[in-house]
Structures are given as structure tokens and as C-alpha cells.
């Protein structure tokens, strides 16, 4: 199942609206890179753990 990391779920000064969707490891990597490059966080195991814990399953709408 694909996962989603959504910046809108975390308060930030810049009101970031980025959402990243993909396989879990891809999303953890991309969301961590985003947190470092845009939000000024340090790339630490703790940050990656927080990102992983915040992931949600992607909601898939099925068209009939």
C-alpha cells in the first residue's frame, strides 16, 4: 500500500502544503529531504522515525 506524508498536518511558519505519496521508503526519504531542505530540520534517525510514524495510507478512490 502506498503511503502519504502531508506537511499540512504539521504547524509551520510557511504554511507548507506539500504532500508526498509513494512506497513507504520512498516517502520517508523524500519527506526527510524536504524537511531538511525547506524546513531547516537536521537529518537524524529521530526525524526519520517521526516521518515514518506520521505516514498515512493513501486513500484510493475506485471509479465504477
PDB file of N, CA and C in Angstrom:
ATOM      1  N   UNK A   1       0.833  -1.184   0.000  1.00  0.00           N
ATOM      2  CA  UNK A   1       0.000   0.000   0.000  1.00  0.00           C
ATOM      3  C   UNK A   1       0.877   1.246   0.000  1.00  0.00           C
ATOM      4  N   UNK A   2       0.506   2.207  -0.827  1.00  0.00           N
ATOM      5  CA  UNK A   2       1.247   3.465  -0.882  1.00  0.00           C
ATOM      6  C   UNK A   2       0.969   4.290   0.367  1.00  0.00           C
ATOM      7  N   UNK A   3       1.944   5.120   0.734  1.00  0.00           N
ATOM      8  CA  UNK A   3       1.857   5.957   1.928  1.00  0.00           C
ATOM      9  C   UNK A   3       1.879   7.426   1.541  1.00  0.00           C
ATOM     10  N   UNK A   4       1.403   8.278   2.456  1.00  0.00           N
ATOM     11  CA  UNK A   4       1.348   9.715   2.231  1.00  0.00           C
ATOM     12  C   UNK A   4       1.954  10.440   3.428  1.00  0.00           C
ATOM     13  N   UNK A   5       2.813  11.413   3.145  1.00  0.00           N
ATOM     14  CA  UNK A   5       3.293  12.364   4.144  1.00  0.00           C
ATOM     15  C   UNK A   5       2.748  13.723   3.724  1.00  0.00           C
ATOM     16  N   UNK A   6       2.077  14.421   4.626  1.00  0.00           N
ATOM     17  CA  UNK A   6       1.406  15.675   4.282  1.00  0.00           C
ATOM     18  C   UNK A   6       1.842  16.776   5.242  1.00  0.00           C
ATOM     19  N   UNK A   7       2.523  17.776   4.711  1.00  0.00           N
ATOM     20  CA  UNK A   7       3.018  18.885   5.544  1.00  0.00           C
ATOM     21  C   UNK A   7       1.887  19.668   6.202  1.00  0.00           C
ATOM     22  N   UNK A   8       0.710  19.653   5.622  1.00  0.00           N
ATOM     23  CA  UNK A   8      -0.402  20.421   6.194  1.00  0.00           C
ATOM     24  C   UNK A   8      -0.784  19.912   7.585  1.00  0.00           C
ATOM     25  N   UNK A   9      -0.360  18.709   7.936  1.00  0.00           N
ATOM     26  CA  UNK A   9      -0.697  18.148   9.241  1.00  0.00           C
ATOM     27  C   UNK A   9       0.240  18.622  10.342  1.00  0.00           C
ATOM     28  N   UNK A  10       1.259  19.392   9.980  1.00  0.00           N
ATOM     29  CA  UNK A  10       2.222  19.886  10.963  1.00  0.00           C
ATOM     30  C   UNK A  10       2.283  21.402  10.888  1.00  0.00           C
ATOM     31  N   UNK A  11       2.178  22.070  12.027  1.00  0.00           N
ATOM     32  CA  UNK A  11       2.243  23.532  12.010  1.00  0.00           C
ATOM     33  C   UNK A  11       3.611  24.011  11.534  1.00  0.00           C
ATOM     34  N   UNK A  12       3.605  25.010  10.666  1.00  0.00           N
ATOM     35  CA  UNK A  12       4.865  25.602  10.226  1.00  0.00           C
ATOM     36  C   UNK A  12       4.639  27.069   9.906  1.00  0.00           C
ATOM     37  N   UNK A  13       5.702  27.817   9.979  1.00  0.00           N
ATOM     38  CA  UNK A  13       5.644  29.246   9.705  1.00  0.00           C
ATOM     39  C   UNK A  13       5.242  29.499   8.253  1.00  0.00           C
ATOM     40  N   UNK A  14       5.670  28.617   7.355  1.00  0.00           N
ATOM     41  CA  UNK A  14       5.447  28.850   5.928  1.00  0.00           C
ATOM     42  C   UNK A  14       4.147  28.249   5.395  1.00  0.00           C
ATOM     43  N   UNK A  15       3.351  27.615   6.263  1.00  0.00           N
ATOM     44  CA  UNK A  15       2.094  27.001   5.825  1.00  0.00           C
ATOM     45  C   UNK A  15       2.290  26.118   4.597  1.00  0.00           C
ATOM     46  N   UNK A  16       3.259  25.251   4.669  1.00  0.00           N
ATOM     47  CA  UNK A  16       3.594  24.363   3.560  1.00  0.00           C
ATOM     48  C   UNK A  16       2.420  23.433   3.249  1.00  0.00           C
ATOM     49  N   UNK A  17       2.164  23.227   1.976  1.00  0.00           N
ATOM     50  CA  UNK A  17       1.040  22.387   1.569  1.00  0.00           C
ATOM     51  C   UNK A  17       1.481  21.145   0.798  1.00  0.00           C
ATOM     52  N   UNK A  18       2.765  20.816   0.857  1.00  0.00           N
ATOM     53  CA  UNK A  18       3.282  19.686   0.104  1.00  0.00           C
ATOM     54  C   UNK A  18       2.775  18.365   0.661  1.00  0.00           C
ATOM     55  N   UNK A  19       2.371  17.466  -0.235  1.00  0.00           N
ATOM     56  CA  UNK A  19       2.042  16.091   0.124  1.00  0.00           C
ATOM     57  C   UNK A  19       2.891  15.191  -0.761  1.00  0.00           C
ATOM     58  N   UNK A  20       3.461  14.150  -0.164  1.00  0.00           N
ATOM     59  CA  UNK A  20       4.324  13.219  -0.883  1.00  0.00           C
ATOM     60  C   UNK A  20       3.696  11.837  -0.781  1.00  0.00           C
ATOM     61  N   UNK A  21       3.547  11.174  -1.921  1.00  0.00           N
ATOM     62  CA  UNK A  21       2.903   9.867  -1.971  1.00  0.00           C
ATOM     63  C   UNK A  21       3.802   8.877  -2.682  1.00  0.00           C
ATOM     64  N   UNK A  22       3.875   7.660  -2.161  1.00  0.00           N
ATOM     65  CA  UNK A  22       4.651   6.611  -2.807  1.00  0.00           C
ATOM     66  C   UNK A  22       4.823   5.432  -1.872  1.00  0.00           C
ATOM     67  N   UNK A  23       5.745   4.551  -2.217  1.00  0.00           N
ATOM     68  CA  UNK A  23       6.066   3.437  -1.345  1.00  0.00           C
ATOM     69  C   UNK A  23       6.720   3.989  -0.076  1.00  0.00           C
ATOM     70  N   UNK A  24       6.570   3.293   1.034  1.00  0.00           N
ATOM     71  CA  UNK A  24       6.985   3.821   2.336  1.00  0.00           C
ATOM     72  C   UNK A  24       8.411   4.344   2.358  1.00  0.00           C
ATOM     73  N   UNK A  25       9.366   3.568   1.888  1.00  0.00           N
ATOM     74  CA  UNK A  25      10.769   4.010   1.946  1.00  0.00           C
ATOM     75  C   UNK A  25      11.007   5.244   1.081  1.00  0.00           C
ATOM     76  N   UNK A  26      10.350   5.310  -0.075  1.00  0.00           N
ATOM     77  CA  UNK A  26      10.476   6.488  -0.946  1.00  0.00           C
ATOM     78  C   UNK A  26       9.953   7.733  -0.241  1.00  0.00           C
ATOM     79  N   UNK A  27       8.813   7.593   0.415  1.00  0.00           N
ATOM     80  CA  UNK A  27       8.187   8.734   1.077  1.00  0.00           C
ATOM     81  C   UNK A  27       9.022   9.181   2.274  1.00  0.00           C
ATOM     82  N   UNK A  28       9.526   8.242   3.052  1.00  0.00           N
ATOM     83  CA  UNK A  28      10.376   8.614   4.196  1.00  0.00           C
ATOM     84  C   UNK A  28      11.595   9.381   3.698  1.00  0.00           C
ATOM     85  N   UNK A  29      12.232   8.886   2.661  1.00  0.00           N
ATOM     86  CA  UNK A  29      13.423   9.549   2.114  1.00  0.00           C
ATOM     87  C   UNK A  29      13.094  10.950   1.589  1.00  0.00           C
ATOM     88  N   UNK A  30      12.045  11.059   0.770  1.00  0.00           N
ATOM     89  CA  UNK A  30      11.691  12.342   0.166  1.00  0.00           C
ATOM     90  C   UNK A  30      11.187  13.338   1.210  1.00  0.00           C
ATOM     91  N   UNK A  31      10.385  12.868   2.153  1.00  0.00           N
ATOM     92  CA  UNK A  31       9.852  13.764   3.177  1.00  0.00           C
ATOM     93  C   UNK A  31      10.967  14.248   4.098  1.00  0.00           C
ATOM     94  N   UNK A  32      11.928  13.390   4.387  1.00  0.00           N
ATOM     95  CA  UNK A  32      13.069  13.801   5.206  1.00  0.00           C
ATOM     96  C   UNK A  32      13.900  14.843   4.471  1.00  0.00           C
ATOM     97  N   UNK A  33      14.159  14.603   3.198  1.00  0.00           N
ATOM     98  CA  UNK A  33      14.911  15.579   2.392  1.00  0.00           C
ATOM     99  C   UNK A  33      14.177  16.919   2.347  1.00  0.00           C
ATOM    100  N   UNK A  34      12.855  16.871   2.215  1.00  0.00           N
ATOM    101  CA  UNK A  34      12.050  18.101   2.201  1.00  0.00           C
ATOM    102  C   UNK A  34      12.150  18.814   3.553  1.00  0.00           C
ATOM    103  N   UNK A  35      12.021  18.063   4.649  1.00  0.00           N
ATOM    104  CA  UNK A  35      12.092  18.666   5.983  1.00  0.00           C
ATOM    105  C   UNK A  35      13.434  19.348   6.214  1.00  0.00           C
ATOM    106  N   UNK A  36      14.494  18.752   5.685  1.00  0.00           N
ATOM    107  CA  UNK A  36      15.842  19.323   5.837  1.00  0.00           C
ATOM    108  C   UNK A  36      16.018  20.550   4.953  1.00  0.00           C
ATOM    109  N   UNK A  37      15.703  20.413   3.662  1.00  0.00           N
ATOM    110  CA  UNK A  37      16.000  21.496   2.716  1.00  0.00           C
ATOM    111  C   UNK A  37      15.044  22.678   2.812  1.00  0.00           C
ATOM    112  N   UNK A  38      13.795  22.428   3.165  1.00  0.00           N
ATOM    113  CA  UNK A  38      12.806  23.512   3.190  1.00  0.00           C
ATOM    114  C   UNK A  38      12.546  24.020   4.605  1.00  0.00           C
ATOM    115  N   UNK A  39      12.458  23.103   5.558  1.00  0.00           N
ATOM    116  CA  UNK A  39      12.063  23.492   6.914  1.00  0.00           C
ATOM    117  C   UNK A  39      13.239  23.609   7.879  1.00  0.00           C
ATOM    118  N   UNK A  40      14.451  23.297   7.422  1.00  0.00           N
ATOM    119  CA  UNK A  40      15.644  23.510   8.237  1.00  0.00           C
ATOM    120  C   UNK A  40      15.890  22.478   9.324  1.00  0.00           C
ATOM    121  N   UNK A  41      15.239  21.317   9.241  1.00  0.00           N
ATOM    122  CA  UNK A  41      15.480  20.264  10.226  1.00  0.00           C
ATOM    123  C   UNK A  41      16.812  19.575   9.934  1.00  0.00           C
ATOM    124  N   UNK A  42      17.325  18.858  10.929  1.00  0.00           N
ATOM    125  CA  UNK A  42      18.527  18.059  10.751  1.00  0.00           C
ATOM    126  C   UNK A  42      18.136  16.640  10.384  1.00  0.00           C
ATOM    127  N   UNK A  43      18.843  16.037   9.452  1.00  0.00           N
ATOM    128  CA  UNK A  43      18.567  14.654   9.049  1.00  0.00           C
ATOM    129  C   UNK A  43      19.132  13.723  10.116  1.00  0.00           C
ATOM    130  N   UNK A  44      18.266  13.280  10.999  1.00  0.00           N
ATOM    131  CA  UNK A  44      18.667  12.394  12.086  1.00  0.00           C
ATOM    132  C   UNK A  44      17.780  11.147  12.073  1.00  0.00           C
ATOM    133  N   UNK A  45      18.220  10.089  12.736  1.00  0.00           N
ATOM    134  CA  UNK A  45      17.351   8.910  12.851  1.00  0.00           C
ATOM    135  C   UNK A  45      16.011   9.257  13.517  1.00  0.00           C
ATOM    136  N   UNK A  46      16.040  10.205  14.456  1.00  0.00           N
ATOM    137  CA  UNK A  46      14.807  10.607  15.133  1.00  0.00           C
ATOM    138  C   UNK A  46      13.842  11.279  14.165  1.00  0.00           C
ATOM    139  N   UNK A  47      14.363  12.134  13.283  1.00  0.00           N
ATOM    140  CA  UNK A  47      13.499  12.780  12.286  1.00  0.00           C
ATOM    141  C   UNK A  47      12.888  11.735  11.369  1.00  0.00           C
ATOM    142  N   UNK A  48      13.689  10.807  10.893  1.00  0.00           N
ATOM    143  CA  UNK A  48      13.172   9.752  10.013  1.00  0.00           C
ATOM    144  C   UNK A  48      12.114   8.907  10.728  1.00  0.00           C
ATOM    145  N   UNK A  49      12.318   8.663  12.023  1.00  0.00           N
ATOM    146  CA  UNK A  49      11.342   7.909  12.801  1.00  0.00           C
ATOM    147  C   UNK A  49      10.035   8.704  12.917  1.00  0.00           C
ATOM    148  N   UNK A  50      10.128  10.017  13.139  1.00  0.00           N
ATOM    149  CA  UNK A  50       8.934  10.863  13.223  1.00  0.00           C
ATOM    150  C   UNK A  50       8.191  10.882  11.886  1.00  0.00           C
ATOM    151  N   UNK A  51       8.945  10.997  10.803  1.00  0.00           N
ATOM    152  CA  UNK A  51       8.327  10.985   9.475  1.00  0.00           C
ATOM    153  C   UNK A  51       7.598   9.662   9.261  1.00  0.00           C
ATOM    154  N   UNK A  52       8.270   8.555   9.547  1.00  0.00           N
ATOM    155  CA  UNK A  52       7.670   7.228   9.351  1.00  0.00           C
ATOM    156  C   UNK A  52       6.394   7.078  10.195  1.00  0.00           C
ATOM    157  N   UNK A  53       6.436   7.555  11.436  1.00  0.00           N
ATOM    158  CA  UNK A  53       5.280   7.437  12.327  1.00  0.00           C
ATOM    159  C   UNK A  53       4.100   8.289  11.858  1.00  0.00           C
ATOM    160  N   UNK A  54       4.382   9.342  11.105  1.00  0.00           N
ATOM    161  CA  UNK A  54       3.310  10.238  10.664  1.00  0.00           C
ATOM    162  C   UNK A  54       2.641   9.795   9.364  1.00  0.00           C
ATOM    163  N   UNK A  55       3.204   8.793   8.696  1.00  0.00           N
ATOM    164  CA  UNK A  55       2.661   8.375   7.405  1.00  0.00           C
ATOM    165  C   UNK A  55       1.260   7.803   7.549  1.00  0.00           C
ATOM    166  N   UNK A  56       0.464   8.067   6.531  1.00  0.00           N
ATOM    167  CA  UNK A  56      -0.886   7.515   6.468  1.00  0.00           C
ATOM    168  C   UNK A  56      -1.008   6.707   5.187  1.00  0.00           C
ATOM    169  N   UNK A  57      -1.931   5.769   5.177  1.00  0.00           N
ATOM    170  CA  UNK A  57      -2.205   5.023   3.957  1.00  0.00           C
ATOM    171  C   UNK A  57      -2.862   5.948   2.941  1.00  0.00           C
ATOM    172  N   UNK A  58      -2.495   5.779   1.685  1.00  0.00           N
ATOM    173  CA  UNK A  58      -3.103   6.572   0.622  1.00  0.00           C
ATOM    174  C   UNK A  58      -4.558   6.119   0.444  1.00  0.00           C
ATOM    175  N   UNK A  59      -5.439   7.089   0.355  1.00  0.00           N
ATOM    176  CA  UNK A  59      -6.839   6.777   0.081  1.00  0.00           C
ATOM    177  C   UNK A  59      -7.002   6.674  -1.425  1.00  0.00           C
ATOM    178  N   UNK A  60      -7.491   5.546  -1.864  1.00  0.00           N
ATOM    179  CA  UNK A  60      -7.657   5.330  -3.286  1.00  0.00           C
ATOM    180  C   UNK A  60      -9.153   5.276  -3.590  1.00  0.00           C
ATOM    181  N   UNK A  61      -9.567   6.162  -4.457  1.00  0.00           N
ATOM    182  CA  UNK A  61     -10.971   6.179  -4.867  1.00  0.00           C
ATOM    183  C   UNK A  61     -11.127   5.245  -6.060  1.00  0.00           C
ATOM    184  N   UNK A  62     -12.055   4.352  -5.956  1.00  0.00           N
ATOM    185  CA  UNK A  62     -12.308   3.443  -7.056  1.00  0.00           C
ATOM    186  C   UNK A  62     -13.492   3.960  -7.868  1.00  0.00           C
ATOM    187  N   UNK A  63     -13.278   4.087  -9.141  1.00  0.00           N
ATOM    188  CA  UNK A  63     -14.343   4.557 -10.033  1.00  0.00           C
ATOM    189  C   UNK A  63     -15.113   3.353 -10.552  1.00  0.00           C
ATOM    190  N   UNK A  64     -16.411   3.481 -10.544  1.00  0.00           N
ATOM    191  CA  UNK A  64     -17.224   2.361 -11.051  1.00  0.00           C
ATOM    192  C   UNK A  64     -17.999   2.796 -12.263  1.00  0.00           C
TER     193      UNK A  64
END
